[in-house]
Each structure stands twice: as structure tokens, then as C-alpha cells.
């Protein structure tokens, strides 16, 4: 029993000495590496590169299981997201099929009603996209110059639109360029409808940023926020083109805030609704 106790005591003493020796050895090794690094940097760099080359494959092998687990978790997340998207797309597809059925039914009814009324169909519209290269806006003129002319099918009188709404009308068309009279120009007069009631008026430019509504039957019929669209009267513009909304009503003066900001126009569409031919025919018969 005493012998066993002595062996355990010797083992504990030896373990304590080894720990102290290991600690002192690590301190000494650290100082040695510092001195070697100061004395021979090339050797240290080579040793570091050799250790890095030796450890990299091990780290790569050790990281592969973690990468596999990470990819697996990411795939599960993507699968869950795809399932949610599929559910959303199914709902959207169901709604679209309902709308398609309703549209087909309304189209059939529309064809039948047109046949009963003998309505002459409106001519199809074609358009040309052009870039704005100059803005001659000033105190006496409100027009822009675009990079499309007669060679592209642009003709005088055609309607010019931007993404937000009506820009104006072609006033001059050269071979490769055209000048567009803006709705804010003092020479611009456009038949319009105001608000949900569809009150008729004339939108008149005055070379300011806000053209005014003239010949409105009832001044109180217009209120700030009312939408203004073309009425199609006189076949100058097709009906329903968005222009802007009423910005101010003050003592009988009704000002409009156009949807299209002149300073931000970069590209426009010159649209041929077939109305210029009708206007030319009417002018020829007079």
C-alpha cells in the first residue's frame, strides 16, 4: 500500500516537473524564434511558407465537411423559398386565368356590340422612339428637338409621348430630325376632359411650367388632384391620353401640373394614330 502511494507521489512530482519544463521550453522557443526572425528574415519566411504549404491541404480537407453542411443548409433554404414562390405563382396564375376568361368574354361581347352599332374601328397606332438632343425652352418658345425625322416615318402633327404622358405634337419634321411643340408652349391648345365627370375644356400653354384650363363650363367642377386627359375632340389627339392633374384653382384660374417634367425628358415616342391623315383630309375639303 505504501509502495503504491509512493509511486503515485513520484508520478505527480514528475508531471509537475514536466509541466514546468514545457512552459520554460515554450518561452525559450519563443525567444529563439524572435531572435532567428531578427537575424535571418529569409529563413523565417521560407519556414513560414513551408508550414503554410503543409497545413493548407489539411485545412482544405477539414473544411470540406463544413462546406458540405453549409451547402446543404443553403439548399434547404433555397428549396423552402422556391416552394413559397411556387405557391405565390400558382395563386397569381389562377388570378390571371380568371382575368383571361373575363377578358375573352368581354372581347366577345365587344365584337358583338360593334357589329350591332356598326362602329368603324380606330386605325392602329405605330410609333418611333427618339432621343431628345436639344431643349429650346425659354421665355418665348417651349419646344424640343428629337433625333427622328421623315426618314423614320415622323410627320407633322403626330403625337409625342413619354413614359408618364403627353409631351406635345410634332410641329416640324426634317429628314433626320423633328421639332416638337410642348404642351406648355403658348401656341399649344389641346381639347381635354377634367376629372371623373369628364368636363370639357381647352388646355392652353402660356410658356410656364403649368398650363391653364380655359373655357371650363363650371370653374368649381375642377379641384386640385383631378386627372386631365385628352378628349379626342376635333380629332387632334386620340381620347384618353394622360396629361396631368389640376394643381391649383384660384379665382377662376385653373392650373395644371403636367405628368411629364420637361427638364427630365430624355427619350420620347412619336406615335402615328392615323389622325394626321384625317386632319389633312379635312383641311383639303375646306
Protein backbone atom coordinates (compact mmCIF):
# COMPACT_ATOMS: atom_id res chain seq x y z
CA UNK A 1 0.00 0.00 0.00
CA UNK A 2 2.86 2.36 0.91
CA UNK A 3 4.63 1.43 -2.34
CA UNK A 4 1.57 2.37 -4.38
CA UNK A 5 1.32 5.67 -2.57
CA UNK A 6 5.00 6.41 -3.25
CA UNK A 7 4.54 5.62 -6.97
CA UNK A 8 1.59 7.99 -7.20
CA UNK A 9 3.56 10.70 -5.40
CA UNK A 10 6.53 10.22 -7.76
CA UNK A 11 4.23 10.37 -10.80
CA UNK A 12 2.69 13.63 -9.59
CA UNK A 13 6.11 15.15 -8.96
CA UNK A 14 7.31 14.07 -12.43
CA UNK A 15 4.17 15.53 -14.06
CA UNK A 16 4.71 18.84 -12.26
CA UNK A 17 8.35 18.99 -13.40
CA UNK A 18 7.36 18.19 -16.99
CA UNK A 19 4.75 20.97 -16.98
CA UNK A 20 7.27 23.48 -15.66
CA UNK A 21 9.87 22.29 -18.12
CA UNK A 22 7.35 22.51 -21.02
CA UNK A 23 6.38 26.04 -20.03
CA UNK A 24 10.01 27.14 -19.81
CA UNK A 25 10.76 25.36 -23.07
CA UNK A 26 7.94 27.24 -24.87
CA UNK A 27 9.22 30.55 -23.53
CA UNK A 28 12.72 29.72 -24.67
CA UNK A 29 11.48 28.59 -28.09
CA UNK A 30 9.58 31.83 -28.47
CA UNK A 31 12.62 33.94 -27.75
CA UNK A 32 14.68 31.77 -30.07
CA UNK A 33 12.21 32.27 -32.91
CA UNK A 34 12.20 36.01 -32.28
CA UNK A 35 15.98 36.15 -32.43
CA UNK A 36 16.11 33.98 -35.55
CA UNK A 37 13.44 36.20 -37.19
CA UNK A 38 15.54 39.28 -36.48
CA UNK A 39 18.75 37.63 -37.60
CA UNK A 40 17.58 35.81 -40.74
CA UNK A 41 14.24 37.01 -42.14
CA UNK A 42 14.62 34.99 -45.34
CA UNK A 43 14.86 31.76 -43.36
CA UNK A 44 11.78 32.66 -41.34
CA UNK A 45 9.82 33.48 -44.49
CA UNK A 46 10.77 30.17 -46.06
CA UNK A 47 9.82 28.30 -42.89
CA UNK A 48 6.52 30.13 -42.78
CA UNK A 49 5.80 29.31 -46.41
CA UNK A 50 6.70 25.65 -45.82
CA UNK A 51 4.35 25.47 -42.81
CA UNK A 52 1.59 27.17 -44.77
CA UNK A 53 2.01 24.76 -47.69
CA UNK A 54 1.92 21.81 -45.33
CA UNK A 55 -1.10 23.00 -43.35
CA UNK A 56 -3.22 24.19 -46.32
CA UNK A 57 -4.17 20.70 -47.61
CA UNK A 58 -5.08 19.65 -44.08
CA UNK A 59 -7.26 22.71 -43.62
CA UNK A 60 -8.85 22.11 -47.01
CA UNK A 61 -9.75 18.55 -46.05
CA UNK A 62 -11.06 19.69 -42.69
CA UNK A 63 -13.14 22.46 -44.27
CA UNK A 64 -14.84 20.20 -46.84
CA UNK A 65 -17.34 18.70 -44.37
CA UNK A 66 -18.22 22.16 -43.12
CA UNK A 67 -18.68 23.36 -46.71
CA UNK A 68 -20.88 20.36 -47.48
CA UNK A 69 -23.04 21.06 -44.44
CA UNK A 70 -23.24 24.75 -45.32
CA UNK A 71 -24.26 23.97 -48.91
CA UNK A 72 -26.83 21.50 -47.66
CA UNK A 73 -28.37 24.10 -45.35
CA UNK A 74 -28.34 26.70 -48.15
CA UNK A 75 -30.05 24.25 -50.49
CA UNK A 76 -32.74 23.64 -47.89
CA UNK A 77 -33.32 27.39 -47.57
CA UNK A 78 -33.50 27.80 -51.35
CA UNK A 79 -35.91 24.87 -51.55
CA UNK A 80 -38.17 26.49 -48.97
CA UNK A 81 -38.01 29.81 -50.84
CA UNK A 82 -38.79 28.06 -54.14
CA UNK A 83 -41.81 26.40 -52.59
CA UNK A 84 -43.09 29.76 -51.37
CA UNK A 85 -42.51 31.29 -54.79
CA UNK A 86 -44.29 28.39 -56.47
CA UNK A 87 -47.29 28.87 -54.18
CA UNK A 88 -47.34 32.60 -54.98
CA UNK A 89 -47.01 31.92 -58.71
CA UNK A 90 -49.85 29.40 -58.58
CA UNK A 91 -52.10 31.98 -56.94
CA UNK A 92 -51.06 34.62 -59.49
CA UNK A 93 -51.61 32.14 -62.33
CA UNK A 94 -55.09 31.37 -61.04
CA UNK A 95 -55.95 35.07 -60.91
CA UNK A 96 -54.54 35.62 -64.40
CA UNK A 97 -56.60 32.75 -65.77
CA UNK A 98 -59.69 34.34 -64.25
CA UNK A 99 -58.81 37.67 -65.81
CA UNK A 100 -58.11 35.95 -69.13
CA UNK A 101 -61.53 34.32 -69.06
CA UNK A 102 -63.16 37.65 -68.23
CA UNK A 103 -61.17 39.42 -70.97
CA UNK A 104 -62.16 36.82 -73.57
CA UNK A 105 -65.80 37.17 -72.56
CA UNK A 106 -65.64 40.97 -72.75
CA UNK A 107 -63.85 40.80 -76.09
CA UNK A 108 -66.60 38.60 -77.47
CA UNK A 109 -69.25 40.99 -76.16
CA UNK A 110 -67.34 43.95 -77.57
CA UNK A 111 -67.18 42.37 -81.02
CA UNK A 112 -70.90 41.65 -80.89
CA UNK A 113 -71.73 45.22 -79.81
CA UNK A 114 -69.54 46.70 -82.51
CA UNK A 115 -71.32 44.57 -85.05
CA UNK A 116 -74.69 45.83 -83.80
CA UNK A 117 -73.70 49.51 -83.75
CA UNK A 118 -71.74 49.44 -86.99
CA UNK A 119 -68.80 51.13 -85.25
CA UNK A 120 -65.87 51.92 -87.50
CA UNK A 121 -62.67 50.61 -85.81
CA UNK A 122 -59.95 53.10 -84.97
CA UNK A 123 -56.76 52.88 -87.01
CA UNK A 124 -53.89 51.01 -85.40
CA UNK A 125 -51.11 53.09 -83.89
CA UNK A 126 -47.43 52.83 -84.75
CA UNK A 127 -44.60 54.66 -83.06
CA UNK A 128 -40.94 55.59 -83.36
CA UNK A 129 -38.64 56.08 -80.37
CA UNK A 130 -36.30 59.05 -80.48
CA UNK A 131 -33.82 60.79 -78.20
CA UNK A 132 -34.08 64.44 -77.16
CA UNK A 133 -30.95 66.31 -78.23
CA UNK A 134 -31.93 69.92 -77.57
CA UNK A 135 -34.36 71.88 -75.44
CA UNK A 136 -35.25 75.34 -76.71
CA UNK A 137 -37.33 76.17 -73.65
CA UNK A 138 -37.30 79.86 -72.88
CA UNK A 139 -39.46 82.90 -72.37
CA UNK A 140 -40.86 82.83 -75.91
CA UNK A 141 -40.77 79.17 -77.01
CA UNK A 142 -41.32 75.75 -75.50
CA UNK A 143 -40.08 73.03 -77.85
CA UNK A 144 -37.57 70.19 -78.09
CA UNK A 145 -35.51 68.72 -80.91
CA UNK A 146 -35.53 64.92 -81.40
CA UNK A 147 -33.39 62.51 -83.44
CA UNK A 148 -36.09 61.17 -85.75
CA UNK A 149 -37.49 62.65 -88.93
CA UNK A 150 -39.24 61.83 -92.15
CA UNK A 151 -36.81 59.00 -92.89
CA UNK A 152 -38.19 57.24 -89.79
CA UNK A 153 -41.82 57.94 -90.62
CA UNK A 154 -42.20 61.08 -88.49
CA UNK A 155 -44.70 63.57 -89.90
CA UNK A 156 -46.01 66.97 -88.85
CA UNK A 157 -48.94 66.71 -86.46
CA UNK A 158 -48.06 63.33 -84.91
CA UNK A 159 -48.47 62.87 -81.16
CA UNK A 160 -45.36 62.75 -78.93
CA UNK A 161 -45.46 60.82 -75.65
CA UNK A 162 -43.10 59.99 -72.82
CA UNK A 163 -43.48 57.29 -70.20
CA UNK A 164 -45.63 59.46 -67.94
CA UNK A 165 -47.96 61.02 -70.52
CA UNK A 166 -48.37 63.55 -73.30
CA UNK A 167 -45.35 65.66 -74.29
CA UNK A 168 -46.69 67.55 -77.29
CA UNK A 169 -47.03 67.36 -81.03
CA UNK A 170 -44.61 67.40 -83.98
CA UNK A 171 -44.58 70.91 -85.44
CA UNK A 172 -41.72 70.48 -87.96
CA UNK A 173 -40.25 67.32 -89.46
CA UNK A 174 -36.97 67.27 -91.31
CA UNK A 175 -35.33 64.26 -92.89
CA UNK A 176 -33.47 63.10 -89.79
CA UNK A 177 -34.81 65.32 -87.03
CA UNK A 178 -38.03 66.94 -85.86
CA UNK A 179 -39.16 69.75 -83.59
CA UNK A 180 -41.84 69.04 -81.00
CA UNK A 181 -44.19 71.73 -79.71
CA UNK A 182 -44.63 71.12 -75.98
CA UNK A 183 -47.99 71.33 -74.22
CA UNK A 184 -46.62 74.26 -72.20
CA UNK A 185 -45.94 76.41 -75.29
CA UNK A 186 -48.10 79.49 -75.72
CA UNK A 187 -49.24 78.20 -79.13
CA UNK A 188 -50.45 74.85 -77.74
CA UNK A 189 -54.20 74.25 -77.49
CA UNK A 190 -55.47 70.79 -76.55
CA UNK A 191 -59.10 69.67 -76.01
CA UNK A 192 -59.25 67.85 -72.67
CA UNK A 193 -61.53 66.22 -70.13
CA UNK A 194 -61.25 67.09 -66.44
CA UNK A 195 -61.95 64.76 -63.54
CA UNK A 196 -64.24 61.78 -63.34
CA UNK A 197 -67.17 63.88 -64.57
CA UNK A 198 -65.35 64.45 -67.86
CA UNK A 199 -65.92 68.21 -68.00
CA UNK A 200 -64.70 69.61 -71.31
CA UNK A 201 -62.07 72.31 -71.50
CA UNK A 202 -59.12 73.57 -73.53
CA UNK A 203 -55.62 73.21 -72.14
CA UNK A 204 -53.69 76.33 -73.12
CA UNK A 205 -49.96 76.74 -72.69
CA UNK A 206 -48.51 80.04 -71.54
CA UNK A 207 -44.76 79.29 -71.69
CA UNK A 208 -44.75 78.49 -67.99
CA UNK A 209 -44.36 75.09 -66.35
CA UNK A 210 -48.10 75.00 -65.58
CA UNK A 211 -50.52 75.43 -68.50
CA UNK A 212 -54.08 76.59 -67.75
CA UNK A 213 -57.53 75.23 -68.41
CA UNK A 214 -59.73 77.54 -70.47
CA UNK A 215 -63.42 77.51 -71.38
CA UNK A 216 -64.25 75.24 -68.46
CA UNK A 217 -68.03 75.39 -68.14
CA UNK A 218 -68.02 75.33 -64.37
CA UNK A 219 -64.92 76.53 -62.56
CA UNK A 220 -65.97 74.74 -59.41
CA UNK A 221 -66.04 71.45 -61.33
CA UNK A 222 -62.25 71.32 -61.19
CA UNK A 223 -60.45 70.57 -57.92
CA UNK A 224 -56.80 70.01 -57.08
CA UNK A 225 -55.84 66.44 -57.85
CA UNK A 226 -58.34 65.93 -60.69
CA UNK A 227 -56.80 63.99 -63.58
CA UNK A 228 -56.79 65.63 -67.00
CA UNK A 229 -56.75 63.59 -70.23
CA UNK A 230 -57.28 64.34 -73.91
CA UNK A 231 -60.90 64.37 -75.01
CA UNK A 232 -60.40 63.48 -78.67
CA UNK A 233 -62.41 66.49 -79.85
CA UNK A 234 -61.56 67.80 -83.31
CA UNK A 235 -59.55 64.60 -83.86
CA UNK A 236 -56.38 66.46 -82.90
CA UNK A 237 -55.45 63.87 -80.27
CA UNK A 238 -56.88 60.43 -79.51
CA UNK A 239 -59.03 60.35 -76.37
CA UNK A 240 -57.71 59.25 -73.01
CA UNK A 241 -54.05 60.28 -73.23
CA UNK A 242 -52.87 61.32 -69.74
CA UNK A 243 -51.65 64.90 -69.47
CA UNK A 244 -51.50 65.85 -65.80
CA UNK A 245 -53.58 66.83 -62.81
CA UNK A 246 -55.11 70.04 -61.51
CA UNK A 247 -52.57 71.76 -59.26
CA UNK A 248 -54.33 74.99 -58.27
CA UNK A 249 -57.75 76.58 -58.53
CA UNK A 250 -57.76 80.25 -57.59
CA UNK A 251 -60.43 82.81 -58.55
CA UNK A 252 -61.39 81.06 -61.74
CA UNK A 253 -57.79 80.28 -62.77
CA UNK A 254 -57.17 76.53 -63.06
CA UNK A 255 -53.53 75.49 -63.39
CA UNK A 256 -52.36 72.05 -64.45
CA UNK A 257 -49.28 70.13 -63.24
CA UNK A 258 -48.12 68.01 -66.23
CA UNK A 259 -47.12 64.41 -65.62
CA UNK A 260 -44.10 64.88 -67.88
CA UNK A 261 -41.38 67.11 -66.43
CA UNK A 262 -39.77 68.96 -69.32
CA UNK A 263 -36.27 69.02 -67.81
CA UNK A 264 -36.27 65.24 -67.36
CA UNK A 265 -37.32 64.22 -70.88
CA UNK A 266 -34.60 62.07 -72.48
CA UNK A 267 -36.49 59.73 -74.82
CA UNK A 268 -39.90 60.13 -76.44
CA UNK A 269 -42.25 58.14 -78.63
CA UNK A 270 -43.62 59.71 -81.78
CA UNK A 271 -46.95 57.96 -82.30
CA UNK A 272 -48.96 57.86 -85.50
CA UNK A 273 -52.63 57.29 -84.62
CA UNK A 274 -53.73 57.94 -88.18
CA UNK A 275 -55.22 61.27 -87.12
CA UNK A 276 -52.88 63.45 -89.17
CA UNK A 277 -54.27 61.91 -92.33
CA UNK A 278 -57.81 62.67 -91.20
CA UNK A 279 -56.87 66.25 -90.39
CA UNK A 280 -55.18 66.64 -93.75
CA UNK A 281 -58.24 65.25 -95.50
CA UNK A 282 -60.49 67.64 -93.58
CA UNK A 283 -58.20 70.54 -94.45
CA UNK A 284 -58.27 69.55 -98.11
CA UNK A 285 -62.05 69.50 -98.22
CA UNK A 286 -62.36 73.01 -96.77
